[in-house]
């Protein structure tokens, strides 16, 4: 599966700032101000409900970021946007470095053991304090595999749609 058409969660609208329609946003980009470089944004309120917006301007304010959205000129209009997630098209992000991956690119990969046993497909990933974890699901069970390259994750072939892991199929 290719990354074309996929979107990546990069932030969230978390509050109001002032009375002229400015909004507080939380950014998960590095650095956090880079979120303004990735536009247009897709504001998502429900899984299949997205509104595209371009031309958002913003700046750091204290420990957070504030943003001014085109056409949002008052506090009431801004309040309607609070709580929406901010996504961007995967194609807008820079290519990852060697042995680095965007989680969205790993989702959907078939996962097989080094012995060729199919474990299922990557449904999602999540972060822990120690390392990221790949959630692999087949028709009957779910497995949590640490995403530690070289130890558990032996190879990732995005174009071939496959991840090879050193993992006991019974675990």
C-alpha atoms as a PDB file:
ATOM      1  CA  UNK A   1       0.000   0.000   0.000  1.00  0.00           C
ATOM      2  CA  UNK A   2       1.390   3.390  -0.916  1.00  0.00           C
ATOM      3  CA  UNK A   3       1.341   6.555   1.137  1.00  0.00           C
ATOM      4  CA  UNK A   4      -0.594   8.390  -1.592  1.00  0.00           C
ATOM      5  CA  UNK A   5      -3.901   9.650  -0.282  1.00  0.00           C
ATOM      6  CA  UNK A   6      -3.003   9.050   3.353  1.00  0.00           C
ATOM      7  CA  UNK A   7      -3.101  11.765   5.926  1.00  0.00           C
ATOM      8  CA  UNK A   8      -0.977  12.269   9.020  1.00  0.00           C
ATOM      9  CA  UNK A   9      -2.112  13.724  12.340  1.00  0.00           C
ATOM     10  CA  UNK A  10       0.159  16.692  13.109  1.00  0.00           C
ATOM     11  CA  UNK A  11      -1.750  18.650  15.738  1.00  0.00           C
ATOM     12  CA  UNK A  12      -4.987  19.721  17.375  1.00  0.00           C
ATOM     13  CA  UNK A  13      -6.851  22.966  17.989  1.00  0.00           C
ATOM     14  CA  UNK A  14      -6.938  23.232  21.776  1.00  0.00           C
ATOM     15  CA  UNK A  15      -8.371  26.617  22.695  1.00  0.00           C
ATOM     16  CA  UNK A  16      -9.157  30.249  22.015  1.00  0.00           C
ATOM     17  CA  UNK A  17      -6.703  33.143  22.116  1.00  0.00           C
ATOM     18  CA  UNK A  18      -8.100  36.639  22.418  1.00  0.00           C
ATOM     19  CA  UNK A  19     -11.254  37.996  20.824  1.00  0.00           C
ATOM     20  CA  UNK A  20     -10.182  38.370  17.181  1.00  0.00           C
ATOM     21  CA  UNK A  21     -10.479  34.716  16.169  1.00  0.00           C
ATOM     22  CA  UNK A  22      -7.004  33.455  17.030  1.00  0.00           C
ATOM     23  CA  UNK A  23      -6.706  29.861  18.216  1.00  0.00           C
ATOM     24  CA  UNK A  24      -4.290  27.930  20.412  1.00  0.00           C
ATOM     25  CA  UNK A  25      -2.929  24.845  18.704  1.00  0.00           C
ATOM     26  CA  UNK A  26      -0.891  21.889  19.829  1.00  0.00           C
ATOM     27  CA  UNK A  27       1.713  20.729  17.301  1.00  0.00           C
ATOM     28  CA  UNK A  28       3.408  17.338  17.094  1.00  0.00           C
ATOM     29  CA  UNK A  29       5.900  18.348  14.412  1.00  0.00           C
ATOM     30  CA  UNK A  30       9.605  18.873  15.022  1.00  0.00           C
ATOM     31  CA  UNK A  31      10.205  21.703  15.491  1.00  0.00           C
ATOM     32  CA  UNK A  32       6.666  22.494  16.577  1.00  0.00           C
ATOM     33  CA  UNK A  33       6.422  25.608  14.357  1.00  0.00           C
ATOM     34  CA  UNK A  34       6.963  23.462  11.259  1.00  0.00           C
ATOM     35  CA  UNK A  35       3.236  22.663  11.355  1.00  0.00           C
ATOM     36  CA  UNK A  36       2.664  25.978   9.535  1.00  0.00           C
ATOM     37  CA  UNK A  37       4.857  24.792   6.626  1.00  0.00           C
ATOM     38  CA  UNK A  38       2.643  21.786   5.936  1.00  0.00           C
ATOM     39  CA  UNK A  39      -0.479  23.171   4.304  1.00  0.00           C
ATOM     40  CA  UNK A  40      -3.265  22.795   3.393  1.00  0.00           C
ATOM     41  CA  UNK A  41      -4.576  21.378   6.643  1.00  0.00           C
ATOM     42  CA  UNK A  42      -7.462  18.984   6.916  1.00  0.00           C
ATOM     43  CA  UNK A  43      -9.507  19.743  10.027  1.00  0.00           C
ATOM     44  CA  UNK A  44     -11.212  16.559  11.167  1.00  0.00           C
ATOM     45  CA  UNK A  45     -14.161  16.344  13.538  1.00  0.00           C
ATOM     46  CA  UNK A  46     -15.201  12.757  12.714  1.00  0.00           C
ATOM     47  CA  UNK A  47     -13.481   9.925  10.786  1.00  0.00           C
ATOM     48  CA  UNK A  48     -15.117  10.837   7.472  1.00  0.00           C
ATOM     49  CA  UNK A  49     -15.650  14.574   8.031  1.00  0.00           C
ATOM     50  CA  UNK A  50     -12.769  16.849   7.022  1.00  0.00           C
ATOM     51  CA  UNK A  51     -12.558  20.488   5.986  1.00  0.00           C
ATOM     52  CA  UNK A  52      -9.528  21.649   4.027  1.00  0.00           C
ATOM     53  CA  UNK A  53      -8.011  25.006   4.946  1.00  0.00           C
ATOM     54  CA  UNK A  54      -4.927  26.780   3.611  1.00  0.00           C
ATOM     55  CA  UNK A  55      -3.222  30.028   4.510  1.00  0.00           C
ATOM     56  CA  UNK A  56      -3.112  29.502   8.268  1.00  0.00           C
ATOM     57  CA  UNK A  57      -0.567  31.803   9.888  1.00  0.00           C
ATOM     58  CA  UNK A  58       0.827  31.426  13.351  1.00  0.00           C
ATOM     59  CA  UNK A  59       3.586  31.929  15.844  1.00  0.00           C
ATOM     60  CA  UNK A  60       4.856  30.731  19.211  1.00  0.00           C
ATOM     61  CA  UNK A  61       3.087  32.234  22.208  1.00  0.00           C
ATOM     62  CA  UNK A  62       4.417  31.266  25.621  1.00  0.00           C
ATOM     63  CA  UNK A  63       4.783  27.486  25.736  1.00  0.00           C
ATOM     64  CA  UNK A  64       2.348  26.927  22.869  1.00  0.00           C
ATOM     65  CA  UNK A  65       1.414  28.119  19.411  1.00  0.00           C
ATOM     66  CA  UNK A  66      -1.325  30.446  18.265  1.00  0.00           C
ATOM     67  CA  UNK A  67      -2.813  30.546  14.788  1.00  0.00           C
ATOM     68  CA  UNK A  68      -4.970  32.797  12.675  1.00  0.00           C
ATOM     69  CA  UNK A  69      -7.226  30.980  10.206  1.00  0.00           C
ATOM     70  CA  UNK A  70      -8.421  32.682   7.019  1.00  0.00           C
ATOM     71  CA  UNK A  71     -12.034  33.793   7.340  1.00  0.00           C
ATOM     72  CA  UNK A  72     -12.123  33.287  11.115  1.00  0.00           C
ATOM     73  CA  UNK A  73     -12.441  36.814  12.439  1.00  0.00           C
ATOM     74  CA  UNK A  74     -14.196  36.454  15.764  1.00  0.00           C
ATOM     75  CA  UNK A  75     -14.249  34.451  18.938  1.00  0.00           C
ATOM     76  CA  UNK A  76     -17.530  32.666  18.110  1.00  0.00           C
ATOM     77  CA  UNK A  77     -16.266  31.444  14.728  1.00  0.00           C
ATOM     78  CA  UNK A  78     -13.006  30.330  16.349  1.00  0.00           C
ATOM     79  CA  UNK A  79     -14.836  28.487  19.154  1.00  0.00           C
ATOM     80  CA  UNK A  80     -16.477  26.232  16.567  1.00  0.00           C
ATOM     81  CA  UNK A  81     -13.020  24.902  15.598  1.00  0.00           C
ATOM     82  CA  UNK A  82     -11.759  24.009  19.086  1.00  0.00           C
ATOM     83  CA  UNK A  83     -11.170  20.277  19.480  1.00  0.00           C
ATOM     84  CA  UNK A  84     -10.608  19.534  15.807  1.00  0.00           C
ATOM     85  CA  UNK A  85      -7.612  17.444  14.805  1.00  0.00           C
ATOM     86  CA  UNK A  86      -5.176  18.822  12.227  1.00  0.00           C
ATOM     87  CA  UNK A  87      -4.055  16.439   9.497  1.00  0.00           C
ATOM     88  CA  UNK A  88      -1.894  16.970   6.428  1.00  0.00           C
ATOM     89  CA  UNK A  89      -1.441  14.862   3.324  1.00  0.00           C
ATOM     90  CA  UNK A  90       1.430  12.404   3.754  1.00  0.00           C
ATOM     91  CA  UNK A  91       3.010  13.712   0.544  1.00  0.00           C
ATOM     92  CA  UNK A  92       3.649  17.105   2.195  1.00  0.00           C
ATOM     93  CA  UNK A  93       6.063  15.646   4.741  1.00  0.00           C
ATOM     94  CA  UNK A  94       9.778  15.360   3.987  1.00  0.00           C
ATOM     95  CA  UNK A  95      11.152  11.912   3.207  1.00  0.00           C
ATOM     96  CA  UNK A  96      12.226  10.020   6.326  1.00  0.00           C
ATOM     97  CA  UNK A  97      15.909   9.369   6.953  1.00  0.00           C
ATOM     98  CA  UNK A  98      17.632   6.019   6.564  1.00  0.00           C
ATOM     99  CA  UNK A  99      15.933   3.371   8.735  1.00  0.00           C
ATOM    100  CA  UNK A 100      13.271   5.902   9.775  1.00  0.00           C
ATOM    101  CA  UNK A 101       9.578   5.536   9.010  1.00  0.00           C
ATOM    102  CA  UNK A 102       6.391   7.463   9.373  1.00  0.00           C
ATOM    103  CA  UNK A 103       3.933   5.321  11.287  1.00  0.00           C
ATOM    104  CA  UNK A 104       1.296   5.875   8.618  1.00  0.00           C
ATOM    105  CA  UNK A 105       3.644   4.208   6.096  1.00  0.00           C
ATOM    106  CA  UNK A 106       3.903   1.078   8.264  1.00  0.00           C
ATOM    107  CA  UNK A 107       0.152   0.669   8.739  1.00  0.00           C
ATOM    108  CA  UNK A 108      -1.224  -2.100   6.549  1.00  0.00           C
ATOM    109  CA  UNK A 109       2.085  -3.911   6.041  1.00  0.00           C
ATOM    110  CA  UNK A 110       1.955  -7.703   6.166  1.00  0.00           C
ATOM    111  CA  UNK A 111       4.055  -8.989   9.073  1.00  0.00           C
ATOM    112  CA  UNK A 112       5.906 -12.296   8.774  1.00  0.00           C
ATOM    113  CA  UNK A 113       8.421 -14.027  11.010  1.00  0.00           C
ATOM    114  CA  UNK A 114      11.976 -14.764   9.923  1.00  0.00           C
ATOM    115  CA  UNK A 115      10.713 -18.337   9.317  1.00  0.00           C
ATOM    116  CA  UNK A 116       7.986 -17.069   6.950  1.00  0.00           C
ATOM    117  CA  UNK A 117       4.978 -17.469   9.288  1.00  0.00           C
ATOM    118  CA  UNK A 118       2.376 -14.773   8.546  1.00  0.00           C
ATOM    119  CA  UNK A 119       1.335 -12.971  11.765  1.00  0.00           C
ATOM    120  CA  UNK A 120      -1.128 -10.513  10.246  1.00  0.00           C
ATOM    121  CA  UNK A 121      -1.047  -6.844   9.302  1.00  0.00           C
ATOM    122  CA  UNK A 122       0.071  -3.709  11.126  1.00  0.00           C
ATOM    123  CA  UNK A 123      -3.077  -1.961  12.338  1.00  0.00           C
ATOM    124  CA  UNK A 124      -1.360   0.864  14.209  1.00  0.00           C
ATOM    125  CA  UNK A 125       1.575   1.782  16.424  1.00  0.00           C
ATOM    126  CA  UNK A 126       1.907   3.469  19.780  1.00  0.00           C
ATOM    127  CA  UNK A 127       4.729   4.943  21.819  1.00  0.00           C
ATOM    128  CA  UNK A 128       5.897   3.738  25.211  1.00  0.00           C
ATOM    129  CA  UNK A 129       8.643   5.094  27.399  1.00  0.00           C
ATOM    130  CA  UNK A 130      11.097   2.475  26.160  1.00  0.00           C
ATOM    131  CA  UNK A 131      10.235   2.062  22.473  1.00  0.00           C
ATOM    132  CA  UNK A 132       7.431   2.172  19.939  1.00  0.00           C
ATOM    133  CA  UNK A 133       5.144  -0.852  19.646  1.00  0.00           C
ATOM    134  CA  UNK A 134       3.680  -2.328  16.452  1.00  0.00           C
ATOM    135  CA  UNK A 135       0.157  -3.718  16.787  1.00  0.00           C
ATOM    136  CA  UNK A 136      -0.278  -6.692  14.445  1.00  0.00           C
ATOM    137  CA  UNK A 137      -3.692  -8.240  13.950  1.00  0.00           C
ATOM    138  CA  UNK A 138      -4.915 -11.278  12.044  1.00  0.00           C
ATOM    139  CA  UNK A 139      -8.418 -12.767  11.985  1.00  0.00           C
ATOM    140  CA  UNK A 140      -8.045 -14.366  15.421  1.00  0.00           C
ATOM    141  CA  UNK A 141      -5.596 -12.395  17.571  1.00  0.00           C
ATOM    142  CA  UNK A 142      -3.595  -9.275  18.195  1.00  0.00           C
ATOM    143  CA  UNK A 143       0.136  -9.155  18.870  1.00  0.00           C
ATOM    144  CA  UNK A 144       2.192  -6.307  20.331  1.00  0.00           C
ATOM    145  CA  UNK A 145       5.713  -6.331  18.931  1.00  0.00           C
ATOM    146  CA  UNK A 146       8.380  -3.838  20.041  1.00  0.00           C
ATOM    147  CA  UNK A 147       9.534  -1.762  17.075  1.00  0.00           C
ATOM    148  CA  UNK A 148      13.237  -2.284  17.751  1.00  0.00           C
ATOM    149  CA  UNK A 149      15.113  -2.524  14.486  1.00  0.00           C
ATOM    150  CA  UNK A 150      17.784  -5.193  14.422  1.00  0.00           C
ATOM    151  CA  UNK A 151      16.358  -7.045  17.429  1.00  0.00           C
ATOM    152  CA  UNK A 152      12.688  -7.697  16.720  1.00  0.00           C
ATOM    153  CA  UNK A 153      12.157  -5.875  13.435  1.00  0.00           C
ATOM    154  CA  UNK A 154      14.568  -7.378  10.933  1.00  0.00           C
ATOM    155  CA  UNK A 155      13.445  -5.594   7.782  1.00  0.00           C
ATOM    156  CA  UNK A 156      10.822  -3.242   6.421  1.00  0.00           C
ATOM    157  CA  UNK A 157       9.963  -3.304   2.718  1.00  0.00           C
ATOM    158  CA  UNK A 158       7.503  -0.494   2.062  1.00  0.00           C
ATOM    159  CA  UNK A 159       7.309  -1.089  -1.684  1.00  0.00           C
ATOM    160  CA  UNK A 160       6.770  -4.818  -1.137  1.00  0.00           C
ATOM    161  CA  UNK A 161       4.291  -4.209   1.674  1.00  0.00           C
ATOM    162  CA  UNK A 162       6.056  -6.445   4.178  1.00  0.00           C
ATOM    163  CA  UNK A 163       7.777  -6.321   7.568  1.00  0.00           C
ATOM    164  CA  UNK A 164       9.908  -9.235   8.754  1.00  0.00           C
ATOM    165  CA  UNK A 165      10.146  -9.763  12.510  1.00  0.00           C
ATOM    166  CA  UNK A 166      12.037 -12.104  14.819  1.00  0.00           C
ATOM    167  CA  UNK A 167       9.006 -13.107  16.890  1.00  0.00           C
ATOM    168  CA  UNK A 168       7.570 -16.343  18.216  1.00  0.00           C
ATOM    169  CA  UNK A 169       4.210 -16.888  16.441  1.00  0.00           C
ATOM    170  CA  UNK A 170       2.816 -18.455  19.635  1.00  0.00           C
ATOM    171  CA  UNK A 171       3.555 -15.364  21.720  1.00  0.00           C
END
